[in-house]
Amino acid sequence: MSDLPDLILLVALLGIVGAWLKFSRAREQAVEEARRQCRQHGLQLLDESVGLRSVRLRRGNGPMRLERCYSFEVSIDGDDREPGRLWMIGHTLTGLSLPTIQSHLPGLQVEHSAPPASDNVVPLRRRLPTDSRLH
């Protein structure tokens, strides 16, 4: 009878290891995407550190899927540190926030950094729903 608790413990341990490996691979993909976006927009990715910020369920034009948000820091001129974020569902980039982006990418909502205002109100933009054609 003691084999059943051991089997349950082993299955739970394998599930934890499997989830850790999956999230590690997803983080590696996020680092590659952050490098690609920084190169494309003329920014420097600082410390090569891209960290998982949040995970949530998100519905596009299909089933509910996990959307991961990663945060990182970039430099515009080498003397500053600015925050950046990217959102991914699977292998697909679904959102991007960088300090100096001036144009929208097709099918992708991009947040712009606004110049400092005289008040403390920050305008917020909604991200576009996920397009199933991007998957």
N, C-alpha and C. Protein backbone atom coordinates (compact mmCIF):
# COMPACT_ATOMS: atom_id res chain seq x y z
N MET A 1 0.80 -1.20 0.00
CA MET A 1 0.00 0.00 0.00
C MET A 1 0.85 1.27 0.00
N SER A 2 2.08 1.19 0.46
CA SER A 2 2.91 2.40 0.52
C SER A 2 3.40 2.82 -0.85
N ASP A 3 3.18 1.99 -1.89
CA ASP A 3 3.61 2.35 -3.24
C ASP A 3 2.77 3.47 -3.83
N LEU A 4 1.50 3.55 -3.49
CA LEU A 4 0.62 4.58 -4.04
C LEU A 4 1.05 5.99 -3.61
N PRO A 5 1.29 6.27 -2.34
CA PRO A 5 1.77 7.62 -1.97
C PRO A 5 3.12 7.96 -2.62
N ASP A 6 3.99 6.96 -2.74
CA ASP A 6 5.27 7.21 -3.40
C ASP A 6 5.07 7.54 -4.88
N LEU A 7 4.14 6.85 -5.52
CA LEU A 7 3.84 7.11 -6.93
C LEU A 7 3.25 8.50 -7.12
N ILE A 8 2.35 8.89 -6.24
CA ILE A 8 1.74 10.23 -6.31
C ILE A 8 2.81 11.30 -6.10
N LEU A 9 3.69 11.10 -5.16
CA LEU A 9 4.79 12.04 -4.91
C LEU A 9 5.71 12.13 -6.13
N LEU A 10 6.02 11.00 -6.75
CA LEU A 10 6.89 10.98 -7.93
C LEU A 10 6.22 11.72 -9.10
N VAL A 11 4.93 11.50 -9.32
CA VAL A 11 4.21 12.18 -10.40
C VAL A 11 4.17 13.69 -10.14
N ALA A 12 3.94 14.08 -8.90
CA ALA A 12 3.92 15.51 -8.56
C ALA A 12 5.29 16.13 -8.78
N LEU A 13 6.33 15.44 -8.38
CA LEU A 13 7.69 15.93 -8.58
C LEU A 13 8.02 16.06 -10.06
N LEU A 14 7.64 15.07 -10.87
CA LEU A 14 7.85 15.14 -12.31
C LEU A 14 7.07 16.30 -12.93
N GLY A 15 5.87 16.57 -12.44
CA GLY A 15 5.09 17.70 -12.93
C GLY A 15 5.76 19.03 -12.63
N ILE A 16 6.31 19.16 -11.44
CA ILE A 16 7.01 20.38 -11.06
C ILE A 16 8.26 20.57 -11.92
N VAL A 17 9.03 19.51 -12.11
CA VAL A 17 10.23 19.60 -12.94
C VAL A 17 9.86 19.93 -14.38
N GLY A 18 8.80 19.33 -14.91
CA GLY A 18 8.35 19.61 -16.27
C GLY A 18 7.92 21.05 -16.44
N ALA A 19 7.18 21.58 -15.48
CA ALA A 19 6.74 22.98 -15.54
C ALA A 19 7.95 23.92 -15.47
N TRP A 20 8.90 23.60 -14.60
CA TRP A 20 10.10 24.43 -14.48
C TRP A 20 10.87 24.45 -15.80
N LEU A 21 11.02 23.30 -16.45
CA LEU A 21 11.73 23.24 -17.72
C LEU A 21 10.99 24.03 -18.81
N LYS A 22 9.67 23.93 -18.81
CA LYS A 22 8.88 24.66 -19.81
C LYS A 22 9.01 26.16 -19.61
N PHE A 23 8.92 26.63 -18.37
CA PHE A 23 9.07 28.07 -18.10
C PHE A 23 10.50 28.54 -18.36
N SER A 24 11.50 27.67 -18.16
CA SER A 24 12.89 28.05 -18.45
C SER A 24 13.07 28.24 -19.95
N ARG A 25 12.51 27.35 -20.74
CA ARG A 25 12.61 27.48 -22.20
C ARG A 25 11.85 28.72 -22.67
N ALA A 26 10.69 28.99 -22.08
CA ALA A 26 9.92 30.18 -22.45
C ALA A 26 10.70 31.45 -22.10
N ARG A 27 11.43 31.44 -20.99
CA ARG A 27 12.24 32.60 -20.62
C ARG A 27 13.38 32.79 -21.63
N GLU A 28 13.99 31.71 -22.07
CA GLU A 28 15.04 31.81 -23.08
C GLU A 28 14.50 32.44 -24.36
N GLN A 29 13.30 32.05 -24.75
CA GLN A 29 12.68 32.65 -25.93
C GLN A 29 12.40 34.13 -25.71
N ALA A 30 12.00 34.50 -24.49
CA ALA A 30 11.74 35.91 -24.18
C ALA A 30 13.04 36.72 -24.24
N VAL A 31 14.15 36.14 -23.77
CA VAL A 31 15.44 36.83 -23.85
C VAL A 31 15.82 37.05 -25.31
N GLU A 32 15.64 36.03 -26.15
CA GLU A 32 15.93 36.17 -27.58
C GLU A 32 15.05 37.25 -28.21
N GLU A 33 13.78 37.27 -27.86
CA GLU A 33 12.87 38.28 -28.41
C GLU A 33 13.24 39.67 -27.93
N ALA A 34 13.62 39.81 -26.66
CA ALA A 34 14.03 41.11 -26.12
C ALA A 34 15.28 41.61 -26.84
N ARG A 35 16.24 40.72 -27.08
CA ARG A 35 17.45 41.10 -27.84
C ARG A 35 17.08 41.57 -29.24
N ARG A 36 16.20 40.81 -29.89
CA ARG A 36 15.79 41.14 -31.26
C ARG A 36 15.10 42.50 -31.31
N GLN A 37 14.20 42.76 -30.37
CA GLN A 37 13.48 44.03 -30.35
C GLN A 37 14.42 45.19 -30.03
N CYS A 38 15.34 44.99 -29.10
CA CYS A 38 16.30 46.05 -28.77
C CYS A 38 17.18 46.36 -29.97
N ARG A 39 17.65 45.33 -30.65
CA ARG A 39 18.47 45.54 -31.85
C ARG A 39 17.67 46.29 -32.92
N GLN A 40 16.42 45.90 -33.11
CA GLN A 40 15.57 46.52 -34.12
C GLN A 40 15.30 47.99 -33.83
N HIS A 41 15.21 48.35 -32.55
CA HIS A 41 14.87 49.72 -32.17
C HIS A 41 16.06 50.53 -31.68
N GLY A 42 17.27 50.00 -31.84
CA GLY A 42 18.47 50.74 -31.50
C GLY A 42 18.68 50.94 -30.01
N LEU A 43 18.25 49.98 -29.21
CA LEU A 43 18.41 50.05 -27.77
C LEU A 43 19.41 49.00 -27.31
N GLN A 44 19.94 49.19 -26.12
CA GLN A 44 20.87 48.23 -25.54
C GLN A 44 20.15 47.48 -24.42
N LEU A 45 20.10 46.17 -24.50
CA LEU A 45 19.52 45.34 -23.44
C LEU A 45 20.52 45.27 -22.31
N LEU A 46 20.14 45.73 -21.13
CA LEU A 46 21.06 45.78 -20.00
C LEU A 46 21.04 44.49 -19.19
N ASP A 47 22.17 44.05 -18.77
CA ASP A 47 22.36 42.92 -17.85
C ASP A 47 21.87 41.59 -18.40
N GLU A 48 21.39 41.56 -19.64
CA GLU A 48 20.85 40.33 -20.22
C GLU A 48 19.85 39.67 -19.27
N SER A 49 19.17 40.48 -18.47
CA SER A 49 18.23 39.92 -17.50
C SER A 49 16.81 40.22 -17.94
N VAL A 50 16.09 39.16 -18.25
CA VAL A 50 14.68 39.23 -18.59
C VAL A 50 13.98 38.35 -17.59
N GLY A 51 13.10 38.95 -16.81
CA GLY A 51 12.46 38.20 -15.74
C GLY A 51 10.96 38.10 -15.92
N LEU A 52 10.42 36.96 -15.54
CA LEU A 52 8.97 36.76 -15.59
C LEU A 52 8.30 37.67 -14.58
N ARG A 53 7.39 38.48 -15.06
CA ARG A 53 6.70 39.43 -14.19
C ARG A 53 5.32 38.91 -13.80
N SER A 54 4.59 38.35 -14.76
CA SER A 54 3.25 37.85 -14.46
C SER A 54 2.82 36.82 -15.50
N VAL A 55 1.85 36.03 -15.13
CA VAL A 55 1.23 35.06 -16.01
C VAL A 55 -0.27 35.20 -15.83
N ARG A 56 -1.00 35.20 -16.95
CA ARG A 56 -2.45 35.29 -16.85
C ARG A 56 -3.09 34.54 -18.00
N LEU A 57 -4.34 34.19 -17.81
CA LEU A 57 -5.11 33.58 -18.89
C LEU A 57 -5.65 34.67 -19.77
N ARG A 58 -5.56 34.47 -21.09
CA ARG A 58 -6.05 35.48 -22.02
C ARG A 58 -6.73 34.78 -23.19
N ARG A 59 -7.87 35.29 -23.57
CA ARG A 59 -8.61 34.73 -24.69
C ARG A 59 -8.44 35.64 -25.89
N GLY A 60 -8.03 35.07 -27.00
CA GLY A 60 -7.95 35.79 -28.26
C GLY A 60 -9.18 35.42 -29.07
N ASN A 61 -8.98 35.03 -30.29
CA ASN A 61 -10.08 34.55 -31.12
C ASN A 61 -10.22 33.04 -31.02
N GLY A 62 -9.62 32.46 -30.04
CA GLY A 62 -9.65 31.01 -29.86
C GLY A 62 -9.77 30.67 -28.39
N PRO A 63 -9.16 29.57 -28.00
CA PRO A 63 -9.26 29.14 -26.60
C PRO A 63 -8.43 30.02 -25.66
N MET A 64 -8.68 29.87 -24.38
CA MET A 64 -7.90 30.57 -23.37
C MET A 64 -6.47 30.03 -23.40
N ARG A 65 -5.50 30.94 -23.34
CA ARG A 65 -4.09 30.55 -23.33
C ARG A 65 -3.35 31.36 -22.28
N LEU A 66 -2.22 30.85 -21.87
CA LEU A 66 -1.39 31.57 -20.89
C LEU A 66 -0.60 32.66 -21.60
N GLU A 67 -0.71 33.88 -21.08
CA GLU A 67 0.10 34.98 -21.58
C GLU A 67 1.10 35.32 -20.49
N ARG A 68 2.37 35.37 -20.88
CA ARG A 68 3.44 35.67 -19.94
C ARG A 68 3.95 37.07 -20.19
N CYS A 69 4.16 37.81 -19.11
CA CYS A 69 4.73 39.16 -19.20
C CYS A 69 6.14 39.10 -18.62
N TYR A 70 7.10 39.60 -19.39
CA TYR A 70 8.49 39.64 -18.96
C TYR A 70 8.93 41.10 -18.88
N SER A 71 9.72 41.42 -17.88
CA SER A 71 10.26 42.77 -17.76
C SER A 71 11.78 42.72 -17.88
N PHE A 72 12.34 43.82 -18.34
CA PHE A 72 13.77 43.93 -18.54
C PHE A 72 14.13 45.41 -18.57
N GLU A 73 15.40 45.72 -18.60
CA GLU A 73 15.84 47.10 -18.65
C GLU A 73 16.66 47.33 -19.90
N VAL A 74 16.46 48.52 -20.49
CA VAL A 74 17.18 48.89 -21.71
C VAL A 74 17.84 50.24 -21.48
N SER A 75 18.79 50.56 -22.34
CA SER A 75 19.43 51.87 -22.31
C SER A 75 19.31 52.49 -23.69
N ILE A 76 18.99 53.78 -23.69
CA ILE A 76 18.86 54.50 -24.95
C ILE A 76 20.23 54.95 -25.43
N ASP A 77 21.03 55.50 -24.51
CA ASP A 77 22.34 56.05 -24.89
C ASP A 77 23.50 55.47 -24.08
N GLY A 78 23.25 54.48 -23.26
CA GLY A 78 24.32 53.87 -22.46
C GLY A 78 24.47 54.48 -21.08
N ASP A 79 23.82 55.62 -20.83
CA ASP A 79 23.93 56.28 -19.53
C ASP A 79 22.64 56.22 -18.72
N ASP A 80 21.64 55.54 -19.21
CA ASP A 80 20.35 55.52 -18.52
C ASP A 80 19.84 54.09 -18.42
N ARG A 81 18.83 53.91 -17.60
CA ARG A 81 18.14 52.62 -17.45
C ARG A 81 16.66 52.89 -17.59
N GLU A 82 16.05 52.28 -18.58
CA GLU A 82 14.62 52.44 -18.82
C GLU A 82 13.96 51.07 -18.78
N PRO A 83 12.73 50.99 -18.28
CA PRO A 83 12.05 49.70 -18.23
C PRO A 83 11.49 49.31 -19.60
N GLY A 84 11.47 48.03 -19.84
CA GLY A 84 10.84 47.47 -21.03
C GLY A 84 10.05 46.24 -20.62
N ARG A 85 9.02 45.94 -21.39
CA ARG A 85 8.20 44.75 -21.13
C ARG A 85 7.82 44.12 -22.45
N LEU A 86 7.65 42.81 -22.40
CA LEU A 86 7.08 42.13 -23.55
C LEU A 86 6.13 41.06 -23.06
N TRP A 87 5.10 40.82 -23.87
CA TRP A 87 4.08 39.84 -23.57
C TRP A 87 4.13 38.77 -24.64
N MET A 88 4.06 37.51 -24.21
CA MET A 88 4.13 36.40 -25.15
C MET A 88 3.06 35.36 -24.83
N ILE A 89 2.49 34.82 -25.89
CA ILE A 89 1.62 33.65 -25.79
C ILE A 89 2.29 32.58 -26.64
N GLY A 90 2.70 31.51 -26.00
CA GLY A 90 3.46 30.48 -26.71
C GLY A 90 4.77 31.07 -27.20
N HIS A 91 5.02 30.96 -28.50
CA HIS A 91 6.24 31.51 -29.10
C HIS A 91 5.97 32.87 -29.74
N THR A 92 4.77 33.41 -29.59
CA THR A 92 4.36 34.61 -30.30
C THR A 92 4.41 35.84 -29.40
N LEU A 93 5.04 36.88 -29.90
CA LEU A 93 5.07 38.17 -29.21
C LEU A 93 3.71 38.83 -29.42
N THR A 94 3.02 39.14 -28.31
CA THR A 94 1.69 39.74 -28.41
C THR A 94 1.66 41.19 -27.95
N GLY A 95 2.68 41.65 -27.25
CA GLY A 95 2.72 43.04 -26.81
C GLY A 95 4.14 43.44 -26.48
N LEU A 96 4.40 44.74 -26.61
CA LEU A 96 5.75 45.24 -26.40
C LEU A 96 5.66 46.65 -25.85
N SER A 97 6.48 46.95 -24.86
CA SER A 97 6.56 48.30 -24.30
C SER A 97 8.04 48.66 -24.18
N LEU A 98 8.46 49.62 -25.01
CA LEU A 98 9.84 50.10 -24.97
C LEU A 98 9.80 51.63 -24.86
N PRO A 99 10.84 52.26 -24.32
CA PRO A 99 10.79 53.70 -24.09
C PRO A 99 10.83 54.58 -25.33
N THR A 100 11.31 54.09 -26.48
CA THR A 100 11.48 54.99 -27.61
C THR A 100 10.76 54.57 -28.88
N ILE A 101 9.88 53.60 -28.81
CA ILE A 101 9.19 53.16 -30.02
C ILE A 101 8.26 54.26 -30.51
N GLN A 102 8.34 54.59 -31.79
CA GLN A 102 7.53 55.66 -32.36
C GLN A 102 6.50 55.15 -33.37
N SER A 103 6.46 53.87 -33.64
CA SER A 103 5.50 53.35 -34.61
C SER A 103 4.91 52.05 -34.11
N HIS A 104 3.73 51.71 -34.65
CA HIS A 104 3.06 50.46 -34.29
C HIS A 104 3.53 49.35 -35.22
N LEU A 105 3.72 48.19 -34.64
CA LEU A 105 4.02 47.02 -35.44
C LEU A 105 2.70 46.41 -35.89
N PRO A 106 2.59 45.82 -37.08
CA PRO A 106 1.33 45.27 -37.54
C PRO A 106 0.83 44.17 -36.61
N GLY A 107 -0.42 44.31 -36.16
CA GLY A 107 -1.04 43.31 -35.32
C GLY A 107 -0.52 43.27 -33.90
N LEU A 108 0.19 44.31 -33.48
CA LEU A 108 0.82 44.30 -32.17
C LEU A 108 0.60 45.65 -31.52
N GLN A 109 0.10 45.66 -30.30
CA GLN A 109 -0.10 46.91 -29.58
C GLN A 109 1.22 47.29 -28.91
N VAL A 110 1.66 48.49 -29.14
CA VAL A 110 2.91 48.97 -28.57
C VAL A 110 2.60 50.19 -27.72
N GLU A 111 3.12 50.21 -26.50
CA GLU A 111 2.93 51.35 -25.62
C GLU A 111 4.06 52.34 -25.84
N HIS A 112 3.73 53.61 -25.88
CA HIS A 112 4.74 54.65 -26.06
C HIS A 112 5.01 55.33 -24.73
N SER A 113 6.24 55.73 -24.54
CA SER A 113 6.56 56.55 -23.38
C SER A 113 6.25 57.99 -23.75
N ALA A 114 5.47 58.63 -22.93
CA ALA A 114 5.10 60.01 -23.19
C ALA A 114 6.15 60.93 -22.57
N PRO A 115 6.34 62.12 -23.17
CA PRO A 115 7.27 63.06 -22.56
C PRO A 115 6.72 63.52 -21.21
N PRO A 116 7.57 63.96 -20.32
CA PRO A 116 7.09 64.38 -19.01
C PRO A 116 6.07 65.50 -19.14
N ALA A 117 4.99 65.36 -18.42
CA ALA A 117 3.93 66.37 -18.44
C ALA A 117 4.04 67.22 -17.18
N SER A 118 3.28 68.30 -17.19
CA SER A 118 3.32 69.18 -16.04
C SER A 118 2.51 68.63 -14.88
N ASP A 119 1.64 67.64 -15.14
CA ASP A 119 0.89 67.03 -14.05
C ASP A 119 1.36 65.60 -13.85
N ASN A 120 0.73 64.88 -12.95
CA ASN A 120 1.17 63.52 -12.67
C ASN A 120 0.21 62.47 -13.24
N VAL A 121 -0.59 62.81 -14.23
CA VAL A 121 -1.52 61.87 -14.84
C VAL A 121 -0.81 61.15 -15.98
N VAL A 122 -0.86 59.83 -15.95
CA VAL A 122 -0.23 59.03 -16.99
C VAL A 122 -1.33 58.41 -17.84
N PRO A 123 -1.35 58.69 -19.16
CA PRO A 123 -2.38 58.08 -20.00
C PRO A 123 -2.09 56.58 -20.20
N LEU A 124 -3.13 55.78 -20.15
CA LEU A 124 -3.00 54.34 -20.33
C LEU A 124 -3.62 53.93 -21.65
N ARG A 125 -3.01 52.97 -22.32
CA ARG A 125 -3.53 52.46 -23.58
C ARG A 125 -3.92 51.00 -23.40
N ARG A 126 -4.99 50.60 -24.05
CA ARG A 126 -5.40 49.20 -24.01
C ARG A 126 -4.63 48.41 -25.05
N ARG A 127 -4.27 47.19 -24.69
CA ARG A 127 -3.61 46.31 -25.65
C ARG A 127 -4.66 45.68 -26.54
N LEU A 128 -4.29 45.43 -27.78
CA LEU A 128 -5.19 44.81 -28.74
C LEU A 128 -5.46 43.36 -28.35
N PRO A 129 -6.64 42.84 -28.68
CA PRO A 129 -6.88 41.42 -28.42
C PRO A 129 -5.97 40.57 -29.31
N THR A 130 -5.66 39.41 -28.84
CA THR A 130 -4.77 38.52 -29.57
C THR A 130 -5.45 38.08 -30.86
N ASP A 131 -4.73 38.15 -31.95
CA ASP A 131 -5.24 37.72 -33.24
C ASP A 131 -4.84 36.27 -33.45
N SER A 132 -5.81 35.40 -33.72
CA SER A 132 -5.51 33.98 -33.85
C SER A 132 -4.63 33.70 -35.05
N ARG A 133 -4.54 34.62 -36.02
CA ARG A 133 -3.68 34.41 -37.18
C ARG A 133 -2.22 34.53 -36.80
N LEU A 134 -1.89 35.12 -35.65
CA LEU A 134 -0.50 35.28 -35.24
C LEU A 134 0.08 34.01 -34.64
N HIS A 135 -0.75 33.02 -34.33
CA HIS A 135 -0.27 31.81 -33.66
C HIS A 135 0.23 30.81 -34.63
